Protein backbone atom coordinates (compact mmCIF):
# COMPACT_ATOMS: atom_id res chain seq x y z
CA VAL A 1 -37.94 -9.81 4.50
CA ASN A 2 -35.41 -12.42 5.49
CA VAL A 3 -33.93 -10.80 8.58
CA VAL A 4 -35.82 -9.42 11.54
CA GLU A 5 -34.46 -7.03 14.14
CA SER A 6 -35.64 -6.83 17.73
CA GLY A 7 -34.58 -5.34 21.03
CA GLY A 8 -34.95 -1.65 20.35
CA GLY A 9 -36.65 0.69 22.75
CA LEU A 10 -36.24 3.64 25.06
CA VAL A 11 -33.15 3.95 27.20
CA GLN A 12 -31.58 6.67 29.30
CA PRO A 13 -28.13 8.07 28.53
CA GLY A 14 -25.43 5.79 29.83
CA GLY A 15 -27.68 2.78 29.51
CA SER A 16 -27.36 -0.37 27.45
CA LEU A 17 -29.41 -2.33 24.96
CA THR A 18 -28.88 -5.54 23.04
CA LEU A 19 -30.33 -5.75 19.56
CA SER A 20 -30.94 -9.12 17.98
CA CYS A 21 -31.19 -10.15 14.36
CA SER A 22 -32.95 -13.39 13.52
CA ALA A 23 -33.59 -15.17 10.26
CA SER A 24 -37.20 -15.33 9.12
CA THR A 25 -36.39 -17.75 6.33
CA ALA A 26 -34.30 -20.91 6.29
CA PHE A 27 -30.68 -19.83 6.22
CA GLU A 28 -27.84 -19.83 8.71
CA PHE A 29 -26.10 -16.60 9.56
CA ARG A 30 -22.75 -18.32 9.98
CA TYR A 31 -22.41 -18.69 6.21
CA PHE A 32 -22.83 -14.97 5.56
CA SER A 33 -21.43 -11.64 6.59
CA VAL A 34 -23.88 -9.63 8.68
CA ALA A 35 -23.74 -5.96 9.48
CA TRP A 36 -25.60 -3.47 11.60
CA PHE A 37 -26.43 -0.03 10.27
CA ARG A 38 -28.41 2.84 11.64
CA GLN A 39 -30.25 5.75 10.13
CA ASP A 40 -31.49 8.88 11.85
CA SER A 41 -34.06 11.23 10.34
CA GLY A 42 -33.29 10.74 6.66
CA LYS A 43 -29.53 10.93 7.08
CA PRO A 44 -27.35 8.41 5.22
CA TYR A 45 -27.03 4.94 6.64
CA GLU A 46 -24.14 4.63 9.07
CA GLY A 47 -22.34 1.31 9.16
CA LEU A 48 -21.69 0.31 12.77
CA SER A 49 -20.37 -3.19 12.91
CA CYS A 50 -20.08 -6.40 10.94
CA ILE A 51 -19.15 -10.01 11.41
CA GLY A 52 -17.87 -12.24 8.67
CA PRO A 53 -18.75 -15.88 7.94
CA TYR A 54 -17.33 -18.61 10.12
CA ASP A 55 -15.28 -20.15 7.33
CA GLU A 56 -13.43 -16.88 6.87
CA GLY A 57 -12.47 -16.44 10.47
CA ASP A 58 -15.50 -14.66 11.95
CA THR A 59 -13.80 -11.33 11.31
CA VAL A 60 -15.46 -8.45 13.13
CA ASP A 61 -15.23 -4.77 12.45
CA TYR A 62 -16.53 -1.57 14.02
CA ALA A 63 -16.99 2.03 13.07
CA SER A 64 -14.75 4.30 15.08
CA SER A 65 -17.82 6.03 16.55
CA VAL A 66 -18.92 2.85 18.34
CA LYS A 67 -15.79 0.73 18.60
CA ASP A 68 -15.40 0.90 22.36
CA ARG A 69 -19.11 0.76 23.15
CA PHE A 70 -20.72 -1.77 20.81
CA THR A 71 -20.04 -5.49 20.53
CA ILE A 72 -21.26 -7.73 17.74
CA SER A 73 -21.65 -11.46 18.22
CA ARG A 74 -23.20 -14.40 16.50
CA ASP A 75 -24.89 -17.33 18.23
CA ASP A 76 -24.81 -20.24 15.82
CA VAL A 77 -27.09 -22.39 17.98
CA GLN A 78 -29.83 -19.75 18.19
CA ASN A 79 -28.95 -18.49 14.69
CA VAL A 80 -28.98 -14.86 15.71
CA VAL A 81 -26.59 -11.96 15.44
CA ASN A 82 -26.58 -9.61 18.39
CA LEU A 83 -25.36 -6.08 18.84
CA ARG A 84 -24.65 -5.17 22.43
CA MET A 85 -24.68 -1.41 22.88
CA SER A 86 -23.44 0.32 26.00
CA ARG A 87 -22.86 3.85 27.23
CA LEU A 88 -25.58 5.07 24.94
CA THR A 89 -25.99 8.78 24.27
CA PRO A 90 -28.77 10.76 22.60
CA GLU A 91 -26.62 10.76 19.45
CA ASP A 92 -27.21 7.01 19.23
CA THR A 93 -30.92 7.60 18.67
CA ALA A 94 -31.77 6.09 15.28
CA ARG A 95 -33.42 3.20 13.55
CA TYR A 96 -31.09 0.21 13.58
CA PHE A 97 -30.95 -2.28 10.74
CA CYS A 98 -29.51 -5.76 10.42
CA VAL A 99 -28.32 -6.63 6.94
CA ARG A 100 -27.05 -9.82 5.40
CA GLY A 101 -24.36 -9.74 2.77
CA PHE A 102 -23.93 -12.36 0.08
CA PHE A 103 -20.25 -11.64 -0.35
CA ASN A 104 -17.93 -11.20 2.58
CA ARG A 105 -17.05 -7.54 2.86
CA CYS A 106 -16.34 -7.64 6.59
CA LEU A 107 -12.58 -7.50 6.32
CA GLY A 108 -11.55 -5.70 9.50
CA LYS A 109 -10.49 -2.55 7.68
CA GLY A 110 -12.97 -0.20 9.29
CA SER A 111 -15.14 0.04 6.18
CA ILE A 112 -18.78 -0.97 6.55
CA LEU A 113 -20.67 0.20 3.50
CA SER A 114 -24.38 -0.16 2.84
CA SER A 115 -23.61 -0.93 -0.81
CA ASP A 116 -21.87 -4.15 0.28
CA TYR A 117 -25.00 -5.60 1.91
CA ALA A 118 -28.19 -6.59 0.19
CA ASP A 119 -30.69 -8.27 2.50
CA TRP A 120 -32.13 -5.61 4.79
CA GLY A 121 -34.51 -5.95 7.68
CA GLN A 122 -37.15 -3.39 8.55
CA GLY A 123 -35.24 -2.05 11.51
CA THR A 124 -35.83 -1.44 15.17
CA GLN A 125 -35.98 1.98 16.79
CA VAL A 126 -33.59 2.98 19.54
CA THR A 127 -34.28 6.20 21.40
CA VAL A 128 -31.90 7.52 24.03
CA PHE A 129 -33.45 10.24 26.13
CA SER A 130 -32.94 11.86 29.48
């Protein structure tokens, strides 16, 4: 496992959480595209957001379901990729995964596909409950 997610937990509806993705082996996120996915109860992975490598403009992209609530960012000093989630609802309950891609597929076209990313973490659980 080369990427490790953290920051999940329990939160009430309307609340916020920030998930972090760190590298457990020696690589720098800025050279790769990184995406966040989630999966709930055996459903297909849902692509949420991605950020492209720095030498291709740090393009970011979001799924329409989270576009106005989630923000992806990369901290090149800390070498982490964060996903800030706000206005959470019970429908956001899922296991969230950070994934590194070896080819830049984060092109700002609203398409974040699990088949475009290869290096998956083990995920962190987010539960939104009232």
